[in-house]
């Protein structure tokens, strides 16, 4: 066995000034790293703040869009309600008109059905030979007589009632001349 020898660590060949310079360099490097870490923290904080602001903007835009949609829906509902109200008013007016027509026609039939059988209520425009067709006008007269329930028994006297509405050569064609 060989004797054990102590191994010695090799002594640093750096002098005292060199050691101090190395320590100073390490301190400067550590300060640089610390400063870089601070800069990165500040930059990260700025990015986080930007992201927060963007998120708030998006939330605000979503709120505005929802509010507009709500207002639009409210307007639609208001228009629909007005439309329904107008339709209801129109329906009521139609019903009132029907009642009025039924009431007035039943009154007319009671009052004017005497000997003339509804001829008092018969209203026709004047016949114009230049513009109107006599056959069409007479058909209109016949329908009006039916609508106003002119008695068929006075059918011959209808000519008397149509006389004020026709004039000229048409008189002869109707049998009045």
N, C-alpha and C. Protein backbone atom coordinates (compact mmCIF):
# COMPACT_ATOMS: atom_id res chain seq x y z
N UNK A 1 0.78 -1.16 0.00
CA UNK A 1 0.00 0.00 0.00
C UNK A 1 0.84 1.24 0.00
N UNK A 2 0.33 2.12 -0.69
CA UNK A 2 1.06 3.35 -0.86
C UNK A 2 0.62 4.34 0.20
N UNK A 3 1.56 5.10 0.59
CA UNK A 3 1.16 6.08 1.60
C UNK A 3 0.19 7.12 1.00
N UNK A 4 -0.65 7.51 1.82
CA UNK A 4 -1.66 8.47 1.41
C UNK A 4 -1.04 9.85 1.45
N UNK A 5 -1.28 10.51 0.40
CA UNK A 5 -0.79 11.87 0.35
C UNK A 5 -1.98 12.81 0.32
N UNK A 6 -1.79 13.86 0.91
CA UNK A 6 -2.88 14.82 0.92
C UNK A 6 -2.88 15.58 -0.38
N UNK A 7 -3.96 15.64 -0.87
CA UNK A 7 -4.08 16.42 -2.08
C UNK A 7 -4.41 17.84 -1.69
N UNK A 8 -3.73 18.68 -2.23
CA UNK A 8 -3.96 20.09 -1.93
C UNK A 8 -4.67 20.74 -3.11
N UNK A 9 -5.47 21.66 -2.72
CA UNK A 9 -6.15 22.40 -3.75
C UNK A 9 -5.18 23.40 -4.29
N UNK A 10 -5.26 23.55 -5.58
CA UNK A 10 -4.33 24.53 -6.15
C UNK A 10 -4.76 25.92 -5.73
N UNK A 11 -3.86 26.68 -5.37
CA UNK A 11 -4.13 28.03 -4.93
C UNK A 11 -4.49 28.86 -6.13
N UNK A 12 -5.40 29.74 -5.86
CA UNK A 12 -5.83 30.63 -6.91
C UNK A 12 -4.70 31.54 -7.24
N UNK A 13 -4.51 31.71 -8.48
CA UNK A 13 -3.41 32.51 -8.92
C UNK A 13 -3.82 33.97 -9.04
N UNK A 14 -5.05 34.31 -8.57
CA UNK A 14 -5.52 35.67 -8.67
C UNK A 14 -4.99 36.46 -7.48
N UNK A 15 -4.70 37.66 -7.76
CA UNK A 15 -4.22 38.54 -6.71
C UNK A 15 -5.40 39.19 -6.03
N UNK A 16 -5.20 39.93 -5.01
CA UNK A 16 -6.24 40.57 -4.24
C UNK A 16 -7.03 41.56 -5.09
N UNK A 17 -6.38 42.34 -5.91
CA UNK A 17 -7.05 43.31 -6.77
C UNK A 17 -7.92 42.62 -7.82
N UNK A 18 -7.40 41.53 -8.29
CA UNK A 18 -8.15 40.80 -9.30
C UNK A 18 -9.41 40.19 -8.69
N UNK A 19 -9.29 39.71 -7.46
CA UNK A 19 -10.45 39.15 -6.78
C UNK A 19 -11.50 40.23 -6.57
N UNK A 20 -11.04 41.38 -6.14
CA UNK A 20 -11.97 42.48 -5.92
C UNK A 20 -12.65 42.87 -7.23
N UNK A 21 -11.91 42.89 -8.30
CA UNK A 21 -12.47 43.25 -9.61
C UNK A 21 -13.49 42.21 -10.05
N UNK A 22 -13.18 40.96 -9.79
CA UNK A 22 -14.10 39.89 -10.16
C UNK A 22 -15.39 40.01 -9.33
N UNK A 23 -15.24 40.28 -8.07
CA UNK A 23 -16.40 40.45 -7.20
C UNK A 23 -17.22 41.64 -7.67
N UNK A 24 -16.57 42.73 -8.02
CA UNK A 24 -17.26 43.93 -8.52
C UNK A 24 -18.00 43.60 -9.81
N UNK A 25 -17.36 42.87 -10.69
CA UNK A 25 -17.99 42.49 -11.96
C UNK A 25 -19.21 41.63 -11.70
N UNK A 26 -19.13 40.71 -10.73
CA UNK A 26 -20.25 39.85 -10.39
C UNK A 26 -21.39 40.69 -9.81
N UNK A 27 -21.04 41.70 -8.97
CA UNK A 27 -22.05 42.58 -8.41
C UNK A 27 -22.74 43.38 -9.51
N UNK A 28 -21.96 43.89 -10.44
CA UNK A 28 -22.52 44.66 -11.57
C UNK A 28 -23.43 43.78 -12.41
N UNK A 29 -22.98 42.56 -12.64
CA UNK A 29 -23.79 41.62 -13.42
C UNK A 29 -25.10 41.31 -12.69
N UNK A 30 -25.03 41.13 -11.38
CA UNK A 30 -26.22 40.86 -10.57
C UNK A 30 -27.16 42.07 -10.62
N UNK A 31 -26.61 43.29 -10.56
CA UNK A 31 -27.43 44.50 -10.65
C UNK A 31 -28.10 44.61 -12.02
N UNK A 32 -27.35 44.25 -13.06
CA UNK A 32 -27.93 44.26 -14.41
C UNK A 32 -29.10 43.29 -14.50
N UNK A 33 -28.91 42.11 -13.93
CA UNK A 33 -29.98 41.10 -13.96
C UNK A 33 -31.19 41.58 -13.15
N UNK A 34 -30.91 42.21 -12.02
CA UNK A 34 -31.98 42.74 -11.20
C UNK A 34 -32.74 43.83 -11.96
N UNK A 35 -32.01 44.71 -12.62
CA UNK A 35 -32.62 45.78 -13.41
C UNK A 35 -33.44 45.20 -14.57
N UNK A 36 -32.90 44.18 -15.22
CA UNK A 36 -33.62 43.52 -16.33
C UNK A 36 -34.89 42.87 -15.81
N UNK A 37 -34.79 42.22 -14.64
CA UNK A 37 -36.00 41.61 -14.04
C UNK A 37 -37.04 42.68 -13.72
N UNK A 38 -36.62 43.81 -13.20
CA UNK A 38 -37.55 44.91 -12.90
C UNK A 38 -38.19 45.43 -14.19
N UNK A 39 -37.38 45.59 -15.23
CA UNK A 39 -37.91 46.06 -16.51
C UNK A 39 -38.93 45.08 -17.05
N UNK A 40 -38.64 43.79 -16.96
CA UNK A 40 -39.58 42.76 -17.43
C UNK A 40 -40.87 42.77 -16.60
N UNK A 41 -40.74 42.98 -15.27
CA UNK A 41 -41.92 43.06 -14.42
C UNK A 41 -42.79 44.25 -14.82
N UNK A 42 -42.13 45.41 -15.06
CA UNK A 42 -42.86 46.62 -15.46
C UNK A 42 -43.56 46.39 -16.80
N UNK A 43 -42.85 45.79 -17.73
CA UNK A 43 -43.42 45.51 -19.05
C UNK A 43 -44.60 44.54 -18.94
N UNK A 44 -44.45 43.54 -18.11
CA UNK A 44 -45.54 42.58 -17.90
C UNK A 44 -46.75 43.28 -17.27
N UNK A 45 -46.49 44.20 -16.33
CA UNK A 45 -47.58 44.95 -15.70
C UNK A 45 -48.30 45.82 -16.73
N UNK A 46 -47.52 46.45 -17.63
CA UNK A 46 -48.12 47.27 -18.69
C UNK A 46 -48.99 46.42 -19.61
N UNK A 47 -48.48 45.26 -20.00
CA UNK A 47 -49.24 44.36 -20.87
C UNK A 47 -50.52 43.90 -20.18
N UNK A 48 -50.41 43.60 -18.89
CA UNK A 48 -51.60 43.19 -18.14
C UNK A 48 -52.62 44.32 -18.08
N UNK A 49 -52.13 45.56 -17.90
CA UNK A 49 -53.01 46.73 -17.86
C UNK A 49 -53.69 46.93 -19.22
N UNK A 50 -52.92 46.76 -20.30
CA UNK A 50 -53.50 46.87 -21.65
C UNK A 50 -54.58 45.81 -21.85
N UNK A 51 -54.28 44.59 -21.45
CA UNK A 51 -55.26 43.50 -21.60
C UNK A 51 -56.51 43.80 -20.78
N UNK A 52 -56.32 44.35 -19.58
CA UNK A 52 -57.46 44.70 -18.72
C UNK A 52 -58.31 45.78 -19.39
N UNK A 53 -57.65 46.80 -19.96
CA UNK A 53 -58.37 47.89 -20.63
C UNK A 53 -59.13 47.35 -21.85
N UNK A 54 -58.50 46.48 -22.61
CA UNK A 54 -59.16 45.88 -23.78
C UNK A 54 -60.38 45.06 -23.35
N UNK A 55 -60.23 44.30 -22.28
CA UNK A 55 -61.35 43.51 -21.78
C UNK A 55 -62.49 44.43 -21.34
N UNK A 56 -62.16 45.53 -20.66
CA UNK A 56 -63.19 46.49 -20.24
C UNK A 56 -63.88 47.11 -21.44
N UNK A 57 -63.09 47.43 -22.50
CA UNK A 57 -63.68 47.98 -23.72
C UNK A 57 -64.66 46.99 -24.34
N UNK A 58 -64.25 45.72 -24.41
CA UNK A 58 -65.10 44.70 -25.00
C UNK A 58 -66.39 44.54 -24.18
N UNK A 59 -66.25 44.59 -22.86
CA UNK A 59 -67.44 44.48 -22.00
C UNK A 59 -68.36 45.67 -22.25
N UNK A 60 -67.78 46.87 -22.34
CA UNK A 60 -68.57 48.08 -22.58
C UNK A 60 -69.26 48.01 -23.94
N UNK A 61 -68.56 47.54 -24.96
CA UNK A 61 -69.15 47.40 -26.30
C UNK A 61 -70.29 46.38 -26.27
N UNK A 62 -70.10 45.30 -25.54
CA UNK A 62 -71.15 44.29 -25.43
C UNK A 62 -72.37 44.88 -24.73
N UNK A 63 -72.14 45.70 -23.69
CA UNK A 63 -73.25 46.34 -22.99
C UNK A 63 -74.01 47.27 -23.93
N UNK A 64 -73.26 48.06 -24.72
CA UNK A 64 -73.88 48.99 -25.66
C UNK A 64 -74.69 48.22 -26.71
N UNK A 65 -74.10 47.14 -27.22
CA UNK A 65 -74.81 46.33 -28.22
C UNK A 65 -76.08 45.73 -27.62
N UNK A 66 -75.99 45.25 -26.40
CA UNK A 66 -77.17 44.68 -25.74
C UNK A 66 -78.23 45.75 -25.52
N UNK A 67 -77.79 46.94 -25.14
CA UNK A 67 -78.74 48.04 -24.92
C UNK A 67 -79.42 48.42 -26.23
N UNK A 68 -78.64 48.50 -27.31
CA UNK A 68 -79.24 48.82 -28.62
C UNK A 68 -80.24 47.75 -29.03
N UNK A 69 -79.86 46.50 -28.82
CA UNK A 69 -80.76 45.40 -29.17
C UNK A 69 -82.04 45.49 -28.35
N UNK A 70 -81.89 45.81 -27.08
CA UNK A 70 -83.05 45.96 -26.20
C UNK A 70 -83.94 47.10 -26.68
N UNK A 71 -83.34 48.23 -27.05
CA UNK A 71 -84.10 49.37 -27.55
C UNK A 71 -84.81 49.02 -28.85
N UNK A 72 -84.10 48.31 -29.73
CA UNK A 72 -84.69 47.90 -31.00
C UNK A 72 -85.88 46.97 -30.75
N UNK A 73 -85.71 46.04 -29.83
CA UNK A 73 -86.80 45.12 -29.51
C UNK A 73 -87.98 45.88 -28.91
N UNK A 74 -87.68 46.86 -28.07
CA UNK A 74 -88.75 47.68 -27.48
C UNK A 74 -89.49 48.44 -28.57
N UNK A 75 -88.76 48.98 -29.54
CA UNK A 75 -89.40 49.69 -30.65
C UNK A 75 -90.28 48.75 -31.46
N UNK A 76 -89.76 47.55 -31.72
CA UNK A 76 -90.55 46.57 -32.47
C UNK A 76 -91.84 46.25 -31.73
N UNK A 77 -91.71 46.03 -30.43
CA UNK A 77 -92.89 45.72 -29.63
C UNK A 77 -93.88 46.88 -29.63
N UNK A 78 -93.35 48.10 -29.56
CA UNK A 78 -94.21 49.28 -29.57
C UNK A 78 -94.94 49.40 -30.90
N UNK A 79 -94.21 49.19 -31.99
CA UNK A 79 -94.83 49.25 -33.33
C UNK A 79 -95.87 48.15 -33.48
N UNK A 80 -95.56 46.97 -33.00
CA UNK A 80 -96.51 45.86 -33.09
C UNK A 80 -97.75 46.15 -32.27
N UNK A 81 -97.56 46.75 -31.08
CA UNK A 81 -98.71 47.10 -30.24
C UNK A 81 -99.57 48.15 -30.93
N UNK A 82 -98.93 49.16 -31.54
CA UNK A 82 -99.69 50.18 -32.26
C UNK A 82 -100.44 49.56 -33.43
N UNK A 83 -99.77 48.66 -34.13
CA UNK A 83 -100.41 47.99 -35.26
C UNK A 83 -101.63 47.20 -34.81
N UNK A 84 -101.48 46.47 -33.72
CA UNK A 84 -102.62 45.71 -33.19
C UNK A 84 -103.74 46.64 -32.74
N UNK A 85 -103.36 47.77 -32.14
CA UNK A 85 -104.36 48.73 -31.71
C UNK A 85 -105.14 49.28 -32.90
N UNK A 86 -104.41 49.60 -33.97
CA UNK A 86 -105.05 50.13 -35.18
C UNK A 86 -105.96 49.07 -35.80
N UNK A 87 -105.47 47.82 -35.83
CA UNK A 87 -106.30 46.74 -36.36
C UNK A 87 -107.57 46.57 -35.54
N UNK A 88 -107.42 46.65 -34.21
CA UNK A 88 -108.60 46.53 -33.35
C UNK A 88 -109.57 47.68 -33.58
N UNK A 89 -109.05 48.91 -33.72
CA UNK A 89 -109.91 50.05 -33.99
C UNK A 89 -110.63 49.88 -35.31
N UNK A 90 -109.90 49.40 -36.32
CA UNK A 90 -110.51 49.16 -37.63
C UNK A 90 -111.61 48.11 -37.53
N UNK A 91 -111.33 47.05 -36.79
CA UNK A 91 -112.32 45.99 -36.61
C UNK A 91 -113.56 46.53 -35.90
N UNK A 92 -113.34 47.35 -34.87
CA UNK A 92 -114.47 47.95 -34.15
C UNK A 92 -115.28 48.84 -35.09
N UNK A 93 -114.59 49.64 -35.90
CA UNK A 93 -115.30 50.51 -36.85
C UNK A 93 -116.10 49.70 -37.86
N UNK A 94 -115.51 48.60 -38.33
CA UNK A 94 -116.25 47.76 -39.27
C UNK A 94 -117.51 47.20 -38.62
N UNK A 95 -117.35 46.73 -37.39
CA UNK A 95 -118.52 46.19 -36.69
C UNK A 95 -119.57 47.27 -36.47
N UNK A 96 -119.11 48.48 -36.09
CA UNK A 96 -120.06 49.59 -35.90
C UNK A 96 -120.77 49.91 -37.21
N UNK A 97 -120.01 49.90 -38.31
CA UNK A 97 -120.62 50.17 -39.62
C UNK A 97 -121.64 49.11 -39.98
N UNK A 98 -121.28 47.85 -39.72
CA UNK A 98 -122.23 46.77 -40.01
C UNK A 98 -123.51 46.94 -39.20
N UNK A 99 -123.34 47.27 -37.92
CA UNK A 99 -124.51 47.47 -37.07
C UNK A 99 -125.33 48.64 -37.59
N UNK A 100 -124.66 49.71 -37.97
CA UNK A 100 -125.35 50.90 -38.47
C UNK A 100 -126.09 50.57 -39.77
N UNK A 101 -125.41 49.83 -40.65
CA UNK A 101 -126.05 49.46 -41.92
C UNK A 101 -127.26 48.57 -41.66
N UNK A 102 -127.11 47.59 -40.77
CA UNK A 102 -128.24 46.71 -40.47
C UNK A 102 -129.38 47.49 -39.84
N UNK A 103 -129.02 48.39 -38.94
CA UNK A 103 -130.04 49.20 -38.28
C UNK A 103 -130.72 50.11 -39.28
N UNK A 104 -129.93 50.79 -40.11
CA UNK A 104 -130.53 51.73 -41.06
C UNK A 104 -131.31 51.00 -42.15
N UNK A 105 -130.83 49.85 -42.60
CA UNK A 105 -131.57 49.13 -43.64
C UNK A 105 -132.86 48.57 -43.07
N UNK A 106 -132.85 48.17 -41.81
CA UNK A 106 -134.11 47.69 -41.24
C UNK A 106 -135.07 48.85 -41.03
N UNK A 107 -134.54 50.03 -40.67
CA UNK A 107 -135.39 51.22 -40.54
C UNK A 107 -135.93 51.62 -41.90
N UNK A 108 -135.05 51.60 -42.93
CA UNK A 108 -135.48 51.95 -44.27
C UNK A 108 -136.56 51.00 -44.75
N UNK A 109 -136.38 49.73 -44.47
CA UNK A 109 -137.37 48.77 -44.95
C UNK A 109 -138.70 48.98 -44.24
N UNK A 110 -138.65 49.43 -43.01
CA UNK A 110 -139.89 49.69 -42.30
C UNK A 110 -140.53 50.98 -42.80
N UNK A 111 -139.74 52.04 -42.94
CA UNK A 111 -140.28 53.33 -43.29
C UNK A 111 -140.68 53.44 -44.76
N UNK A 112 -139.89 52.92 -45.64
CA UNK A 112 -140.05 53.22 -47.06
C UNK A 112 -140.61 52.07 -47.88
N UNK A 113 -141.09 51.07 -47.28
CA UNK A 113 -141.56 49.94 -48.05
C UNK A 113 -143.00 50.09 -48.48
N UNK A 114 -143.59 51.16 -48.20
CA UNK A 114 -145.00 51.33 -48.52
C UNK A 114 -145.28 51.01 -49.96
N UNK A 115 -145.96 51.88 -50.63
CA UNK A 115 -146.33 51.66 -52.02
C UNK A 115 -145.12 51.67 -52.94
N UNK A 116 -144.12 52.45 -52.57
CA UNK A 116 -142.94 52.55 -53.42
C UNK A 116 -141.95 51.42 -53.16
N UNK A 117 -142.02 50.76 -52.03
CA UNK A 117 -141.18 49.60 -51.75
C UNK A 117 -139.70 49.90 -51.79
N UNK A 118 -139.24 50.96 -51.22
CA UNK A 118 -137.81 51.23 -51.13
C UNK A 118 -137.31 52.20 -52.17
N UNK A 119 -138.16 52.72 -53.02
CA UNK A 119 -137.71 53.61 -54.09
C UNK A 119 -137.26 54.96 -53.55
N UNK A 120 -137.75 55.37 -52.38
CA UNK A 120 -137.34 56.66 -51.84
C UNK A 120 -135.86 56.68 -51.49
N UNK A 121 -135.32 55.54 -51.11
CA UNK A 121 -133.91 55.49 -50.71
C UNK A 121 -132.98 55.20 -51.88
N UNK A 122 -133.54 54.87 -53.03
CA UNK A 122 -132.74 54.54 -54.19
C UNK A 122 -132.01 55.78 -54.71
N UNK A 123 -130.69 55.70 -54.77
CA UNK A 123 -129.89 56.83 -55.26
C UNK A 123 -128.95 56.31 -56.33
N UNK A 124 -129.03 56.92 -57.49
CA UNK A 124 -128.17 56.57 -58.62
C UNK A 124 -127.59 57.84 -59.21
N UNK A 125 -126.42 57.74 -59.82
CA UNK A 125 -125.91 58.92 -60.51
C UNK A 125 -126.71 59.15 -61.79
N UNK A 126 -126.66 60.35 -62.31
CA UNK A 126 -127.36 60.68 -63.55
C UNK A 126 -126.73 59.89 -64.70
N UNK A 127 -127.57 59.45 -65.64
CA UNK A 127 -127.09 58.75 -66.83
C UNK A 127 -126.57 59.77 -67.82
N UNK A 128 -125.37 59.54 -68.34
CA UNK A 128 -124.77 60.42 -69.34
C UNK A 128 -124.63 59.61 -70.62
N UNK A 129 -125.37 60.02 -71.65
CA UNK A 129 -125.36 59.27 -72.91
C UNK A 129 -123.99 59.19 -73.54
N UNK A 130 -123.19 60.23 -73.34
CA UNK A 130 -121.88 60.26 -73.98
C UNK A 130 -120.90 59.29 -73.32
N UNK A 131 -121.04 59.08 -72.02
CA UNK A 131 -120.07 58.27 -71.29
C UNK A 131 -120.59 56.89 -70.91
N UNK A 132 -121.86 56.79 -70.54
CA UNK A 132 -122.40 55.56 -69.97
C UNK A 132 -123.04 54.67 -71.02
N UNK A 133 -123.06 53.38 -70.74
CA UNK A 133 -123.74 52.38 -71.55
C UNK A 133 -125.12 52.17 -70.93
N UNK A 134 -126.18 52.32 -71.75
CA UNK A 134 -127.55 52.26 -71.23
C UNK A 134 -127.86 50.90 -70.62
N UNK A 135 -127.45 49.83 -71.29
CA UNK A 135 -127.73 48.49 -70.76
C UNK A 135 -127.06 48.27 -69.40
N UNK A 136 -125.82 48.71 -69.28
CA UNK A 136 -125.11 48.58 -68.00
C UNK A 136 -125.79 49.42 -66.92
N UNK A 137 -126.24 50.61 -67.32
CA UNK A 137 -126.92 51.49 -66.37
C UNK A 137 -128.24 50.88 -65.89
N UNK A 138 -128.98 50.28 -66.83
CA UNK A 138 -130.26 49.64 -66.47
C UNK A 138 -130.03 48.43 -65.57
N UNK A 139 -128.96 47.68 -65.85
CA UNK A 139 -128.62 46.54 -64.98
C UNK A 139 -128.30 47.03 -63.58
N UNK A 140 -127.59 48.13 -63.51
CA UNK A 140 -127.26 48.71 -62.21
C UNK A 140 -128.54 49.15 -61.49
N UNK A 141 -129.47 49.72 -62.25
CA UNK A 141 -130.75 50.14 -61.68
C UNK A 141 -131.51 48.94 -61.12
N UNK A 142 -131.55 47.85 -61.89
CA UNK A 142 -132.24 46.63 -61.45
C UNK A 142 -131.62 46.08 -60.17
N UNK A 143 -130.28 46.06 -60.12
CA UNK A 143 -129.61 45.56 -58.91
C UNK A 143 -129.90 46.45 -57.71
N UNK A 144 -129.94 47.74 -57.94
CA UNK A 144 -130.26 48.68 -56.85
C UNK A 144 -131.67 48.43 -56.36
N UNK A 145 -132.60 48.16 -57.30
CA UNK A 145 -133.98 47.88 -56.91
C UNK A 145 -134.04 46.61 -56.05
N UNK A 146 -133.27 45.62 -56.43
CA UNK A 146 -133.24 44.39 -55.65
C UNK A 146 -132.62 44.64 -54.28
N UNK A 147 -131.54 45.42 -54.24
CA UNK A 147 -130.87 45.69 -52.97
C UNK A 147 -131.77 46.47 -52.02
N UNK A 148 -132.57 47.39 -52.57
CA UNK A 148 -133.46 48.18 -51.73
C UNK A 148 -134.85 47.57 -51.63
N UNK A 149 -134.97 46.34 -52.05
CA UNK A 149 -136.21 45.57 -51.92
C UNK A 149 -137.42 46.29 -52.52
N UNK A 150 -137.27 46.74 -53.76
CA UNK A 150 -138.39 47.35 -54.45
C UNK A 150 -139.36 46.22 -54.80
N UNK A 151 -140.62 46.43 -54.47
CA UNK A 151 -141.62 45.38 -54.69
C UNK A 151 -141.70 45.03 -56.17
N UNK A 152 -141.81 43.75 -56.45
CA UNK A 152 -141.92 43.29 -57.83
C UNK A 152 -143.28 43.69 -58.43
N UNK A 153 -144.25 43.92 -57.59
CA UNK A 153 -145.58 44.29 -58.09
C UNK A 153 -145.56 45.65 -58.76
N UNK A 154 -144.63 46.49 -58.41
CA UNK A 154 -144.57 47.81 -59.04
C UNK A 154 -143.50 47.84 -60.12
N UNK A 155 -143.18 46.68 -60.64
CA UNK A 155 -142.14 46.56 -61.65
C UNK A 155 -142.41 47.48 -62.83
N UNK A 156 -143.67 47.61 -63.24
CA UNK A 156 -143.99 48.48 -64.36
C UNK A 156 -143.77 49.94 -64.02
N UNK A 157 -143.98 50.29 -62.77
CA UNK A 157 -143.80 51.70 -62.41
C UNK A 157 -142.33 52.06 -62.17
N UNK A 158 -141.44 51.10 -62.29
CA UNK A 158 -140.02 51.40 -62.15
C UNK A 158 -139.60 52.42 -63.20
N UNK A 159 -140.27 52.35 -64.36
CA UNK A 159 -139.93 53.31 -65.41
C UNK A 159 -140.14 54.73 -64.93
N UNK A 160 -141.12 54.92 -64.12
CA UNK A 160 -141.39 56.27 -63.60
C UNK A 160 -140.24 56.72 -62.71
N UNK A 161 -139.69 55.79 -61.96
CA UNK A 161 -138.62 56.15 -61.03
C UNK A 161 -137.26 56.33 -61.72
N UNK A 162 -137.08 55.68 -62.84
CA UNK A 162 -135.81 55.84 -63.55
C UNK A 162 -135.81 57.07 -64.43
N UNK A 163 -136.98 57.61 -64.72
CA UNK A 163 -137.10 58.77 -65.61
C UNK A 163 -136.22 59.94 -65.20
N UNK A 164 -136.11 60.31 -63.92
CA UNK A 164 -135.27 61.47 -63.60
C UNK A 164 -133.78 61.25 -63.87
N UNK A 165 -133.38 59.99 -63.99
CA UNK A 165 -131.96 59.70 -64.15
C UNK A 165 -131.52 59.62 -65.61
N UNK A 166 -132.45 59.39 -66.53
CA UNK A 166 -132.10 59.29 -67.95
C UNK A 166 -132.78 60.42 -68.71
N UNK A 167 -132.14 60.86 -69.76
CA UNK A 167 -132.71 61.95 -70.56
C UNK A 167 -132.26 61.79 -72.00
N UNK A 168 -132.89 62.49 -72.90
CA UNK A 168 -132.49 62.49 -74.31
C UNK A 168 -133.01 61.27 -75.04
N UNK A 169 -132.23 60.76 -75.97
CA UNK A 169 -132.63 59.63 -76.79
C UNK A 169 -132.81 58.37 -75.97
N UNK A 170 -132.19 58.33 -74.81
CA UNK A 170 -132.31 57.17 -73.95
C UNK A 170 -133.72 56.98 -73.45
N UNK A 171 -134.50 58.08 -73.37
CA UNK A 171 -135.89 57.98 -72.94
C UNK A 171 -136.66 57.00 -73.79
N UNK A 172 -136.49 57.11 -75.09
CA UNK A 172 -137.24 56.27 -76.03
C UNK A 172 -136.79 54.82 -75.87
N UNK A 173 -135.52 54.59 -75.64
CA UNK A 173 -135.02 53.22 -75.52
C UNK A 173 -135.52 52.56 -74.26
N UNK A 174 -135.71 53.34 -73.19
CA UNK A 174 -136.21 52.78 -71.95
C UNK A 174 -137.71 52.61 -72.01
N UNK A 175 -138.35 53.35 -72.88
CA UNK A 175 -139.81 53.25 -73.01
C UNK A 175 -140.52 54.39 -72.34
N UNK A 176 -139.80 55.52 -72.15
CA UNK A 176 -140.40 56.68 -71.52
C UNK A 176 -140.88 57.71 -72.53
N UNK A 177 -140.40 57.64 -73.74
CA UNK A 177 -140.68 58.69 -74.71
C UNK A 177 -141.84 58.49 -75.56
